[in-house]
PDB file of N, CA and C in Angstrom:
ATOM      1  N   MET A   1       3.209  20.359   1.173  1.00  0.00           N
ATOM      2  CA  MET A   1       3.031  19.063   0.527  1.00  0.00           C
ATOM      3  C   MET A   1       2.540  18.822  -0.810  1.00  0.00           C
ATOM      4  N   THR A   2       1.633  19.854  -1.333  1.00  0.00           N
ATOM      5  CA  THR A   2       1.380  19.699  -2.802  1.00  0.00           C
ATOM      6  C   THR A   2       2.537  19.884  -3.739  1.00  0.00           C
ATOM      7  N   ASN A   3       3.489  20.553  -3.204  1.00  0.00           N
ATOM      8  CA  ASN A   3       4.703  20.647  -4.128  1.00  0.00           C
ATOM      9  C   ASN A   3       5.239  19.283  -4.197  1.00  0.00           C
ATOM     10  N   ARG A   4       5.472  18.607  -3.179  1.00  0.00           N
ATOM     11  CA  ARG A   4       5.824  17.227  -3.362  1.00  0.00           C
ATOM     12  C   ARG A   4       4.967  16.368  -4.490  1.00  0.00           C
ATOM     13  N   ILE A   5       3.653  16.540  -4.204  1.00  0.00           N
ATOM     14  CA  ILE A   5       2.983  15.682  -5.075  1.00  0.00           C
ATOM     15  C   ILE A   5       3.080  16.158  -6.492  1.00  0.00           C
ATOM     16  N   GLU A   6       3.333  17.270  -6.734  1.00  0.00           N
ATOM     17  CA  GLU A   6       3.426  17.984  -8.301  1.00  0.00           C
ATOM     18  C   GLU A   6       4.806  17.432  -8.850  1.00  0.00           C
ATOM     19  N   VAL A   7       5.876  17.290  -7.912  1.00  0.00           N
ATOM     20  CA  VAL A   7       7.077  16.865  -8.315  1.00  0.00           C
ATOM     21  C   VAL A   7       6.914  15.299  -8.630  1.00  0.00           C
ATOM     22  N   PHE A   8       6.388  14.738  -7.864  1.00  0.00           N
ATOM     23  CA  PHE A   8       6.160  13.156  -7.918  1.00  0.00           C
ATOM     24  C   PHE A   8       5.270  12.878  -9.360  1.00  0.00           C
ATOM     25  N   LYS A   9       4.398  13.863  -9.542  1.00  0.00           N
ATOM     26  CA  LYS A   9       3.553  13.578 -10.626  1.00  0.00           C
ATOM     27  C   LYS A   9       4.393  13.791 -11.873  1.00  0.00           C
ATOM     28  N   GLN A  10       5.151  14.877 -12.040  1.00  0.00           N
ATOM     29  CA  GLN A  10       6.024  15.274 -13.061  1.00  0.00           C
ATOM     30  C   GLN A  10       6.934  14.164 -13.345  1.00  0.00           C
ATOM     31  N   MET A  11       7.679  13.645 -12.294  1.00  0.00           N
ATOM     32  CA  MET A  11       8.560  12.445 -12.238  1.00  0.00           C
ATOM     33  C   MET A  11       7.688  11.295 -13.147  1.00  0.00           C
ATOM     34  N   LEU A  12       6.561  10.917 -12.702  1.00  0.00           N
ATOM     35  CA  LEU A  12       5.950   9.880 -13.196  1.00  0.00           C
ATOM     36  C   LEU A  12       5.527  10.210 -14.741  1.00  0.00           C
ATOM     37  N   GLU A  13       5.436  11.405 -15.065  1.00  0.00           N
ATOM     38  CA  GLU A  13       5.082  11.541 -16.497  1.00  0.00           C
ATOM     39  C   GLU A  13       6.270  11.390 -17.359  1.00  0.00           C
ATOM     40  N   VAL A  14       7.331  11.590 -16.873  1.00  0.00           N
ATOM     41  CA  VAL A  14       8.740  11.462 -17.623  1.00  0.00           C
ATOM     42  C   VAL A  14       8.926   9.697 -17.634  1.00  0.00           C
ATOM     43  N   GLU A  15       8.520   9.039 -16.502  1.00  0.00           N
ATOM     44  CA  GLU A  15       9.148   7.640 -16.264  1.00  0.00           C
ATOM     45  C   GLU A  15       7.812   6.930 -15.675  1.00  0.00           C
ATOM     46  N   PRO A  16       6.774   6.625 -16.212  1.00  0.00           N
ATOM     47  CA  PRO A  16       5.549   6.199 -15.786  1.00  0.00           C
ATOM     48  C   PRO A  16       5.590   4.788 -15.120  1.00  0.00           C
ATOM     49  N   THR A  17       6.647   3.970 -15.407  1.00  0.00           N
ATOM     50  CA  THR A  17       6.734   2.774 -14.544  1.00  0.00           C
ATOM     51  C   THR A  17       7.729   2.793 -13.350  1.00  0.00           C
ATOM     52  N   ASN A  18       8.105   4.051 -13.080  1.00  0.00           N
ATOM     53  CA  ASN A  18       9.004   4.077 -12.104  1.00  0.00           C
ATOM     54  C   ASN A  18       8.280   3.837 -10.572  1.00  0.00           C
ATOM     55  N   THR A  19       8.591   2.614 -10.145  1.00  0.00           N
ATOM     56  CA  THR A  19       7.834   2.171  -8.872  1.00  0.00           C
ATOM     57  C   THR A  19       8.254   2.750  -7.623  1.00  0.00           C
ATOM     58  N   MET A  20       9.723   3.286  -7.591  1.00  0.00           N
ATOM     59  CA  MET A  20       9.986   4.010  -6.441  1.00  0.00           C
ATOM     60  C   MET A  20       9.067   5.346  -6.397  1.00  0.00           C
ATOM     61  N   VAL A  21       8.848   5.992  -7.470  1.00  0.00           N
ATOM     62  CA  VAL A  21       8.251   7.349  -7.646  1.00  0.00           C
ATOM     63  C   VAL A  21       6.698   7.060  -7.203  1.00  0.00           C
ATOM     64  N   MET A  22       6.137   5.961  -7.704  1.00  0.00           N
ATOM     65  CA  MET A  22       4.813   5.626  -7.656  1.00  0.00           C
ATOM     66  C   MET A  22       4.757   5.416  -5.970  1.00  0.00           C
ATOM     67  N   PHE A  23       5.367   4.623  -5.216  1.00  0.00           N
ATOM     68  CA  PHE A  23       5.237   4.503  -3.751  1.00  0.00           C
ATOM     69  C   PHE A  23       5.571   5.782  -3.019  1.00  0.00           C
ATOM     70  N   GLY A  24       6.470   6.663  -3.554  1.00  0.00           N
ATOM     71  CA  GLY A  24       6.624   8.143  -2.897  1.00  0.00           C
ATOM     72  C   GLY A  24       5.364   8.649  -2.955  1.00  0.00           C
ATOM     73  N   LEU A  25       4.833   8.866  -4.126  1.00  0.00           N
ATOM     74  CA  LEU A  25       3.499   9.677  -4.261  1.00  0.00           C
ATOM     75  C   LEU A  25       2.344   8.988  -3.487  1.00  0.00           C
ATOM     76  N   ALA A  26       2.339   7.816  -3.627  1.00  0.00           N
ATOM     77  CA  ALA A  26       1.086   6.907  -2.507  1.00  0.00           C
ATOM     78  C   ALA A  26       1.480   7.494  -1.094  1.00  0.00           C
ATOM     79  N   LYS A  27       2.698   7.384  -0.466  1.00  0.00           N
ATOM     80  CA  LYS A  27       2.960   8.004   0.570  1.00  0.00           C
ATOM     81  C   LYS A  27       2.360   9.388   0.814  1.00  0.00           C
ATOM     82  N   GLU A  28       2.643  10.239  -0.042  1.00  0.00           N
ATOM     83  CA  GLU A  28       2.372  11.651   0.052  1.00  0.00           C
ATOM     84  C   GLU A  28       0.854  11.878   0.069  1.00  0.00           C
ATOM     85  N   TYR A  29      -0.080  11.047  -0.821  1.00  0.00           N
ATOM     86  CA  TYR A  29      -1.424  10.889  -0.614  1.00  0.00           C
ATOM     87  C   TYR A  29      -1.845  10.352   0.616  1.00  0.00           C
ATOM     88  N   GLU A  30      -1.259   9.387   1.160  1.00  0.00           N
ATOM     89  CA  GLU A  30      -1.489   8.785   2.442  1.00  0.00           C
ATOM     90  C   GLU A  30      -1.445   9.751   3.590  1.00  0.00           C
ATOM     91  N   LYS A  31      -0.576  10.766   3.541  1.00  0.00           N
ATOM     92  CA  LYS A  31      -0.551  11.617   4.533  1.00  0.00           C
ATOM     93  C   LYS A  31      -1.935  12.552   4.487  1.00  0.00           C
ATOM     94  N   LEU A  32      -2.241  12.796   3.185  1.00  0.00           N
ATOM     95  CA  LEU A  32      -3.298  13.591   3.143  1.00  0.00           C
ATOM     96  C   LEU A  32      -4.580  13.002   3.360  1.00  0.00           C
ATOM     97  N   GLY A  33      -4.573  11.489   3.503  1.00  0.00           N
ATOM     98  CA  GLY A  33      -5.788  10.865   3.734  1.00  0.00           C
ATOM     99  C   GLY A  33      -6.610  10.522   2.339  1.00  0.00           C
ATOM    100  N   GLN A  34      -5.917  10.790   1.350  1.00  0.00           N
ATOM    101  CA  GLN A  34      -6.527  10.434  -0.044  1.00  0.00           C
ATOM    102  C   GLN A  34      -6.717   9.151  -0.628  1.00  0.00           C
ATOM    103  N   SER A  35      -7.420   8.107   0.260  1.00  0.00           N
ATOM    104  CA  SER A  35      -7.455   6.891  -0.216  1.00  0.00           C
ATOM    105  C   SER A  35      -7.558   6.267  -1.444  1.00  0.00           C
ATOM    106  N   ALA A  36      -8.358   6.923  -2.265  1.00  0.00           N
ATOM    107  CA  ALA A  36      -8.609   6.372  -3.583  1.00  0.00           C
ATOM    108  C   ALA A  36      -7.270   6.652  -4.269  1.00  0.00           C
ATOM    109  N   GLU A  37      -6.524   7.760  -4.147  1.00  0.00           N
ATOM    110  CA  GLU A  37      -5.260   7.882  -4.844  1.00  0.00           C
ATOM    111  C   GLU A  37      -4.264   6.853  -4.526  1.00  0.00           C
ATOM    112  N   VAL A  38      -4.424   6.604  -3.252  1.00  0.00           N
ATOM    113  CA  VAL A  38      -3.298   5.499  -2.556  1.00  0.00           C
ATOM    114  C   VAL A  38      -3.522   4.102  -3.236  1.00  0.00           C
ATOM    115  N   ILE A  39      -4.825   3.854  -3.242  1.00  0.00           N
ATOM    116  CA  ILE A  39      -5.280   2.622  -3.777  1.00  0.00           C
ATOM    117  C   ILE A  39      -4.819   2.480  -5.340  1.00  0.00           C
ATOM    118  N   ALA A  40      -5.137   3.465  -6.057  1.00  0.00           N
ATOM    119  CA  ALA A  40      -4.860   3.352  -7.360  1.00  0.00           C
ATOM    120  C   ALA A  40      -3.016   3.274  -7.711  1.00  0.00           C
ATOM    121  N   LEU A  41      -2.628   4.041  -7.077  1.00  0.00           N
ATOM    122  CA  LEU A  41      -0.926   3.791  -7.177  1.00  0.00           C
ATOM    123  C   LEU A  41      -0.380   2.704  -6.519  1.00  0.00           C
ATOM    124  N   LEU A  42      -0.738   2.142  -5.503  1.00  0.00           N
ATOM    125  CA  LEU A  42      -0.407   0.856  -4.967  1.00  0.00           C
ATOM    126  C   LEU A  42      -0.674  -0.252  -5.839  1.00  0.00           C
ATOM    127  N   GLU A  43      -2.101  -0.244  -6.094  1.00  0.00           N
ATOM    128  CA  GLU A  43      -2.383  -1.477  -6.933  1.00  0.00           C
ATOM    129  C   GLU A  43      -1.489  -1.528  -8.327  1.00  0.00           C
ATOM    130  N   SER A  44      -1.251  -0.383  -8.943  1.00  0.00           N
ATOM    131  CA  SER A  44      -0.261  -0.247 -10.051  1.00  0.00           C
ATOM    132  C   SER A  44       1.266  -0.761  -9.745  1.00  0.00           C
ATOM    133  N   TYR A  45       1.635  -0.180  -8.438  1.00  0.00           N
ATOM    134  CA  TYR A  45       3.014  -0.556  -7.878  1.00  0.00           C
ATOM    135  C   TYR A  45       3.230  -1.929  -7.720  1.00  0.00           C
ATOM    136  N   ILE A  46       2.133  -2.492  -6.926  1.00  0.00           N
ATOM    137  CA  ILE A  46       2.337  -3.945  -6.578  1.00  0.00           C
ATOM    138  C   ILE A  46       2.468  -4.938  -7.957  1.00  0.00           C
ATOM    139  N   ALA A  47       1.537  -4.542  -8.910  1.00  0.00           N
ATOM    140  CA  ALA A  47       1.549  -5.231 -10.359  1.00  0.00           C
ATOM    141  C   ALA A  47       2.974  -5.130 -10.848  1.00  0.00           C
ATOM    142  N   LYS A  48       3.622  -4.067 -10.773  1.00  0.00           N
ATOM    143  CA  LYS A  48       4.845  -3.789 -11.376  1.00  0.00           C
ATOM    144  C   LYS A  48       6.208  -4.097 -10.694  1.00  0.00           C
ATOM    145  N   SER A  49       5.946  -4.211  -9.176  1.00  0.00           N
ATOM    146  CA  SER A  49       7.235  -4.108  -8.375  1.00  0.00           C
ATOM    147  C   SER A  49       7.187  -5.595  -7.622  1.00  0.00           C
ATOM    148  N   ASP A  50       8.240  -5.944  -6.899  1.00  0.00           N
ATOM    149  CA  ASP A  50       8.575  -7.156  -6.117  1.00  0.00           C
ATOM    150  C   ASP A  50       8.387  -6.461  -4.633  1.00  0.00           C
ATOM    151  N   ASP A  51       7.501  -6.042  -4.189  1.00  0.00           N
ATOM    152  CA  ASP A  51       7.230  -5.570  -3.095  1.00  0.00           C
ATOM    153  C   ASP A  51       7.438  -6.442  -1.909  1.00  0.00           C
ATOM    154  N   GLU A  52       8.257  -5.953  -0.779  1.00  0.00           N
ATOM    155  CA  GLU A  52       8.492  -7.035   0.291  1.00  0.00           C
ATOM    156  C   GLU A  52       7.473  -7.048   1.556  1.00  0.00           C
ATOM    157  N   GLY A  53       6.263  -6.204   1.265  1.00  0.00           N
ATOM    158  CA  GLY A  53       5.253  -6.275   2.071  1.00  0.00           C
ATOM    159  C   GLY A  53       4.815  -5.076   2.831  1.00  0.00           C
ATOM    160  N   ASN A  54       5.457  -4.032   2.657  1.00  0.00           N
ATOM    161  CA  ASN A  54       5.124  -2.731   3.148  1.00  0.00           C
ATOM    162  C   ASN A  54       3.928  -2.104   2.518  1.00  0.00           C
ATOM    163  N   ALA A  55       3.977  -2.287   1.213  1.00  0.00           N
ATOM    164  CA  ALA A  55       2.946  -1.609   0.494  1.00  0.00           C
ATOM    165  C   ALA A  55       1.679  -2.289   0.709  1.00  0.00           C
ATOM    166  N   TYR A  56       1.805  -3.563   1.016  1.00  0.00           N
ATOM    167  CA  TYR A  56       0.375  -4.357   1.337  1.00  0.00           C
ATOM    168  C   TYR A  56      -0.382  -3.795   2.489  1.00  0.00           C
ATOM    169  N   GLY A  57       0.431  -3.272   3.546  1.00  0.00           N
ATOM    170  CA  GLY A  57      -0.097  -2.705   4.608  1.00  0.00           C
ATOM    171  C   GLY A  57      -0.824  -1.309   4.498  1.00  0.00           C
ATOM    172  N   MET A  58      -0.159  -0.471   3.596  1.00  0.00           N
ATOM    173  CA  MET A  58      -0.666   0.772   3.111  1.00  0.00           C
ATOM    174  C   MET A  58      -2.064   0.662   2.295  1.00  0.00           C
ATOM    175  N   LEU A  59      -1.954  -0.233   1.696  1.00  0.00           N
ATOM    176  CA  LEU A  59      -2.978  -0.557   0.562  1.00  0.00           C
ATOM    177  C   LEU A  59      -4.024  -1.062   1.367  1.00  0.00           C
ATOM    178  N   ALA A  60      -3.899  -2.047   2.494  1.00  0.00           N
ATOM    179  CA  ALA A  60      -4.881  -2.455   3.141  1.00  0.00           C
ATOM    180  C   ALA A  60      -5.745  -1.488   4.079  1.00  0.00           C
ATOM    181  N   LYS A  61      -4.836  -0.537   4.535  1.00  0.00           N
ATOM    182  CA  LYS A  61      -5.608   0.723   5.251  1.00  0.00           C
ATOM    183  C   LYS A  61      -6.127   1.734   4.378  1.00  0.00           C
ATOM    184  N   ALA A  62      -5.779   1.684   3.110  1.00  0.00           N
ATOM    185  CA  ALA A  62      -6.408   2.758   2.282  1.00  0.00           C
ATOM    186  C   ALA A  62      -7.910   1.924   1.781  1.00  0.00           C
ATOM    187  N   TYR A  63      -7.755   0.701   1.696  1.00  0.00           N
ATOM    188  CA  TYR A  63      -9.117   0.024   1.415  1.00  0.00           C
ATOM    189  C   TYR A  63      -9.981   0.190   2.440  1.00  0.00           C
ATOM    190  N   GLU A  64      -9.401   0.109   3.802  1.00  0.00           N
ATOM    191  CA  GLU A  64     -10.216   0.093   5.112  1.00  0.00           C
ATOM    192  C   GLU A  64     -10.962   1.509   5.253  1.00  0.00           C
ATOM    193  N   GLN A  65     -10.134   2.450   4.895  1.00  0.00           N
ATOM    194  CA  GLN A  65     -10.519   3.921   4.815  1.00  0.00           C
ATOM    195  C   GLN A  65     -11.603   4.132   3.860  1.00  0.00           C
ATOM    196  N   ASN A  66     -11.618   3.388   2.765  1.00  0.00           N
ATOM    197  CA  ASN A  66     -12.550   3.587   1.682  1.00  0.00           C
ATOM    198  C   ASN A  66     -13.745   2.885   1.864  1.00  0.00           C
ATOM    199  N   GLY A  67     -13.833   2.039   3.208  1.00  0.00           N
ATOM    200  CA  GLY A  67     -15.059   1.208   3.461  1.00  0.00           C
ATOM    201  C   GLY A  67     -15.024  -0.094   2.944  1.00  0.00           C
ATOM    202  N   GLU A  68     -13.875  -0.530   2.365  1.00  0.00           N
ATOM    203  CA  GLU A  68     -13.925  -1.780   1.737  1.00  0.00           C
ATOM    204  C   GLU A  68     -12.993  -3.027   2.723  1.00  0.00           C
ATOM    205  N   ARG A  69     -13.923  -3.403   3.681  1.00  0.00           N
ATOM    206  CA  ARG A  69     -13.248  -4.072   4.633  1.00  0.00           C
ATOM    207  C   ARG A  69     -12.845  -5.475   4.213  1.00  0.00           C
ATOM    208  N   GLU A  70     -13.566  -6.091   3.159  1.00  0.00           N
ATOM    209  CA  GLU A  70     -13.323  -7.468   2.643  1.00  0.00           C
ATOM    210  C   GLU A  70     -11.931  -7.398   1.775  1.00  0.00           C
ATOM    211  N   ARG A  71     -11.877  -6.448   1.070  1.00  0.00           N
ATOM    212  CA  ARG A  71     -10.754  -6.137   0.171  1.00  0.00           C
ATOM    213  C   ARG A  71      -9.486  -5.832   1.117  1.00  0.00           C
ATOM    214  N   ALA A  72      -9.712  -5.209   1.971  1.00  0.00           N
ATOM    215  CA  ALA A  72      -8.542  -4.614   3.036  1.00  0.00           C
ATOM    216  C   ALA A  72      -8.030  -6.173   3.589  1.00  0.00           C
ATOM    217  N   LYS A  73      -9.008  -6.920   4.177  1.00  0.00           N
ATOM    218  CA  LYS A  73      -8.525  -8.193   4.574  1.00  0.00           C
ATOM    219  C   LYS A  73      -7.876  -9.227   3.814  1.00  0.00           C
ATOM    220  N   ALA A  74      -8.498  -9.231   2.515  1.00  0.00           N
ATOM    221  CA  ALA A  74      -7.631  -9.944   1.535  1.00  0.00           C
ATOM    222  C   ALA A  74      -6.183  -9.315   1.173  1.00  0.00           C
ATOM    223  N   ILE A  75      -6.054  -8.052   1.257  1.00  0.00           N
ATOM    224  CA  ILE A  75      -4.772  -7.608   1.058  1.00  0.00           C
ATOM    225  C   ILE A  75      -3.880  -7.852   2.228  1.00  0.00           C
ATOM    226  N   TYR A  76      -4.279  -7.653   3.490  1.00  0.00           N
ATOM    227  CA  TYR A  76      -3.529  -8.090   4.655  1.00  0.00           C
ATOM    228  C   TYR A  76      -3.169  -9.499   4.577  1.00  0.00           C
ATOM    229  N   GLU A  77      -3.989 -10.472   4.142  1.00  0.00           N
ATOM    230  CA  GLU A  77      -3.768 -11.645   3.915  1.00  0.00           C
ATOM    231  C   GLU A  77      -2.464 -12.057   2.986  1.00  0.00           C
ATOM    232  N   LYS A  78      -2.669 -11.300   1.873  1.00  0.00           N
ATOM    233  CA  LYS A  78      -1.675 -11.324   0.871  1.00  0.00           C
ATOM    234  C   LYS A  78      -0.271 -10.824   1.239  1.00  0.00           C
ATOM    235  N   GLY A  79      -0.420  -9.856   2.087  1.00  0.00           N
ATOM    236  CA  GLY A  79       0.744  -9.009   2.714  1.00  0.00           C
ATOM    237  C   GLY A  79       1.618 -10.047   3.769  1.00  0.00           C
ATOM    238  N   ILE A  80       0.809 -10.757   4.482  1.00  0.00           N
ATOM    239  CA  ILE A  80       1.279 -11.740   5.407  1.00  0.00           C
ATOM    240  C   ILE A  80       2.374 -12.891   4.420  1.00  0.00           C
ATOM    241  N   GLU A  81       1.634 -13.337   3.344  1.00  0.00           N
ATOM    242  CA  GLU A  81       2.373 -14.239   2.626  1.00  0.00           C
ATOM    243  C   GLU A  81       3.660 -13.596   1.980  1.00  0.00           C
ATOM    244  N   VAL A  82       3.333 -12.355   1.332  1.00  0.00           N
ATOM    245  CA  VAL A  82       4.645 -11.634   0.842  1.00  0.00           C
ATOM    246  C   VAL A  82       5.636 -11.495   1.819  1.00  0.00           C
ATOM    247  N   ALA A  83       5.298 -10.824   3.026  1.00  0.00           N
ATOM    248  CA  ALA A  83       6.377 -10.294   4.027  1.00  0.00           C
ATOM    249  C   ALA A  83       7.118 -11.626   4.546  1.00  0.00           C
ATOM    250  N   GLY A  84       6.404 -12.702   4.646  1.00  0.00           N
ATOM    251  CA  GLY A  84       6.865 -14.056   5.040  1.00  0.00           C
ATOM    252  C   GLY A  84       7.858 -14.710   3.974  1.00  0.00           C
ATOM    253  N   ALA A  85       7.562 -14.560   2.574  1.00  0.00           N
ATOM    254  CA  ALA A  85       8.421 -14.883   1.632  1.00  0.00           C
ATOM    255  C   ALA A  85       9.569 -14.239   1.532  1.00  0.00           C
ATOM    256  N   HIS A  86       9.653 -12.791   1.966  1.00  0.00           N
ATOM    257  CA  HIS A  86      10.809 -12.056   1.839  1.00  0.00           C
ATOM    258  C   HIS A  86      11.695 -11.984   3.352  1.00  0.00           C
ATOM    259  N   GLY A  87      11.290 -12.829   4.132  1.00  0.00           N
ATOM    260  CA  GLY A  87      11.984 -12.811   5.301  1.00  0.00           C
ATOM    261  C   GLY A  87      11.632 -11.771   6.461  1.00  0.00           C
ATOM    262  N   HIS A  88      10.335 -11.108   6.352  1.00  0.00           N
ATOM    263  CA  HIS A  88      10.096 -10.047   7.145  1.00  0.00           C
ATOM    264  C   HIS A  88       9.027 -10.782   8.401  1.00  0.00           C
ATOM    265  N   PRO A  89       9.263 -11.512   9.135  1.00  0.00           N
ATOM    266  CA  PRO A  89       8.298 -12.085  10.001  1.00  0.00           C
ATOM    267  C   PRO A  89       7.661 -11.220  10.898  1.00  0.00           C
ATOM    268  N   SER A  90       8.271  -9.986  11.382  1.00  0.00           N
ATOM    269  CA  SER A  90       7.462  -8.956  12.112  1.00  0.00           C
ATOM    270  C   SER A  90       6.440  -8.496  11.600  1.00  0.00           C
ATOM    271  N   MET A  91       6.637  -8.022  10.135  1.00  0.00           N
ATOM    272  CA  MET A  91       5.771  -7.345   9.417  1.00  0.00           C
ATOM    273  C   MET A  91       4.513  -8.340   9.216  1.00  0.00           C
ATOM    274  N   ALA A  92       4.612  -9.755   9.071  1.00  0.00           N
ATOM    275  CA  ALA A  92       3.798 -10.678   8.892  1.00  0.00           C
ATOM    276  C   ALA A  92       2.984 -10.777   9.953  1.00  0.00           C
ATOM    277  N   ASN A  93       3.678 -10.729  11.263  1.00  0.00           N
ATOM    278  CA  ASN A  93       2.822 -11.065  12.561  1.00  0.00           C
ATOM    279  C   ASN A  93       2.023  -9.663  12.842  1.00  0.00           C
ATOM    280  N   ASP A  94       2.659  -8.518  12.355  1.00  0.00           N
ATOM    281  CA  ASP A  94       1.848  -7.134  12.640  1.00  0.00           C
ATOM    282  C   ASP A  94       0.378  -7.296  11.831  1.00  0.00           C
ATOM    283  N   TYR A  95       0.489  -7.806  10.572  1.00  0.00           N
ATOM    284  CA  TYR A  95      -0.606  -7.963   9.827  1.00  0.00           C
ATOM    285  C   TYR A  95      -1.446  -9.052  10.209  1.00  0.00           C
ATOM    286  N   ARG A  96      -1.013 -10.137  10.797  1.00  0.00           N
ATOM    287  CA  ARG A  96      -1.802 -11.270  11.515  1.00  0.00           C
ATOM    288  C   ARG A  96      -2.637 -10.635  12.792  1.00  0.00           C
ATOM    289  N   MET A  97      -1.786  -9.737  13.600  1.00  0.00           N
ATOM    290  CA  MET A  97      -2.563  -9.129  14.740  1.00  0.00           C
ATOM    291  C   MET A  97      -3.625  -8.225  14.348  1.00  0.00           C
ATOM    292  N   THR A  98      -3.391  -7.342  13.256  1.00  0.00           N
ATOM    293  CA  THR A  98      -4.463  -6.661  12.772  1.00  0.00           C
ATOM    294  C   THR A  98      -5.751  -7.394  12.225  1.00  0.00           C
ATOM    295  N   LEU A  99      -5.370  -8.652  11.581  1.00  0.00           N
ATOM    296  CA  LEU A  99      -6.489  -9.365  11.152  1.00  0.00           C
ATOM    297  C   LEU A  99      -7.280  -9.965  12.388  1.00  0.00           C
ATOM    298  N   ASP A 100      -6.611 -10.557  13.250  1.00  0.00           N
ATOM    299  CA  ASP A 100      -7.103 -11.000  14.502  1.00  0.00           C
ATOM    300  C   ASP A 100      -7.610  -9.964  15.491  1.00  0.00           C
ATOM    301  N   LEU A 101      -7.332  -8.678  15.531  1.00  0.00           N
ATOM    302  CA  LEU A 101      -7.935  -7.945  16.293  1.00  0.00           C
ATOM    303  C   LEU A 101      -9.214  -6.909  15.811  1.00  0.00           C
ATOM    304  N   ASP A 102      -8.829  -6.755  14.460  1.00  0.00           N
ATOM    305  CA  ASP A 102      -9.909  -5.974  13.789  1.00  0.00           C
ATOM    306  C   ASP A 102     -10.726  -6.597  12.920  1.00  0.00           C
ATOM    307  N   TYR A 103     -10.330  -7.756  12.450  1.00  0.00           N
ATOM    308  CA  TYR A 103     -11.301  -8.530  11.391  1.00  0.00           C
ATOM    309  C   TYR A 103     -11.805  -9.692  11.835  1.00  0.00           C
ATOM    310  N   SER A 104     -11.813  -9.913  13.247  1.00  0.00           N
ATOM    311  CA  SER A 104     -12.340 -11.463  13.555  1.00  0.00           C
ATOM    312  C   SER A 104     -13.917 -11.201  13.804  1.00  0.00           C
ATOM    313  N   ASP A 105     -14.584 -11.940  13.300  1.00  0.00           N
ATOM    314  CA  ASP A 105     -16.046 -11.751  13.427  1.00  0.00           C
ATOM    315  C   ASP A 105     -16.702 -12.548  14.305  1.00  0.00           C
TER     316      ASP A 105
END
């Protein structure tokens, strides 16, 4: 696993704005449960990329793992909007269900 992380890091050194590499590295960190790294990468990724919704779910989960429930909730809400705008109603519905089940107070 760490070999993949090192490869992604090297790729980002050469091309720091490569959003595909950012997303790939975030996935590797997600597998290791390193939420702070996932957050940093996906925040940068989302700022640079026209993500269709998937990154928002990953990012929300990372915030959740970091104990930042309100931030996670806001990210899920944004993910619903983005997924809907890109024609991914099932992803938007998944995020709605997560909000309804896990964030209803």
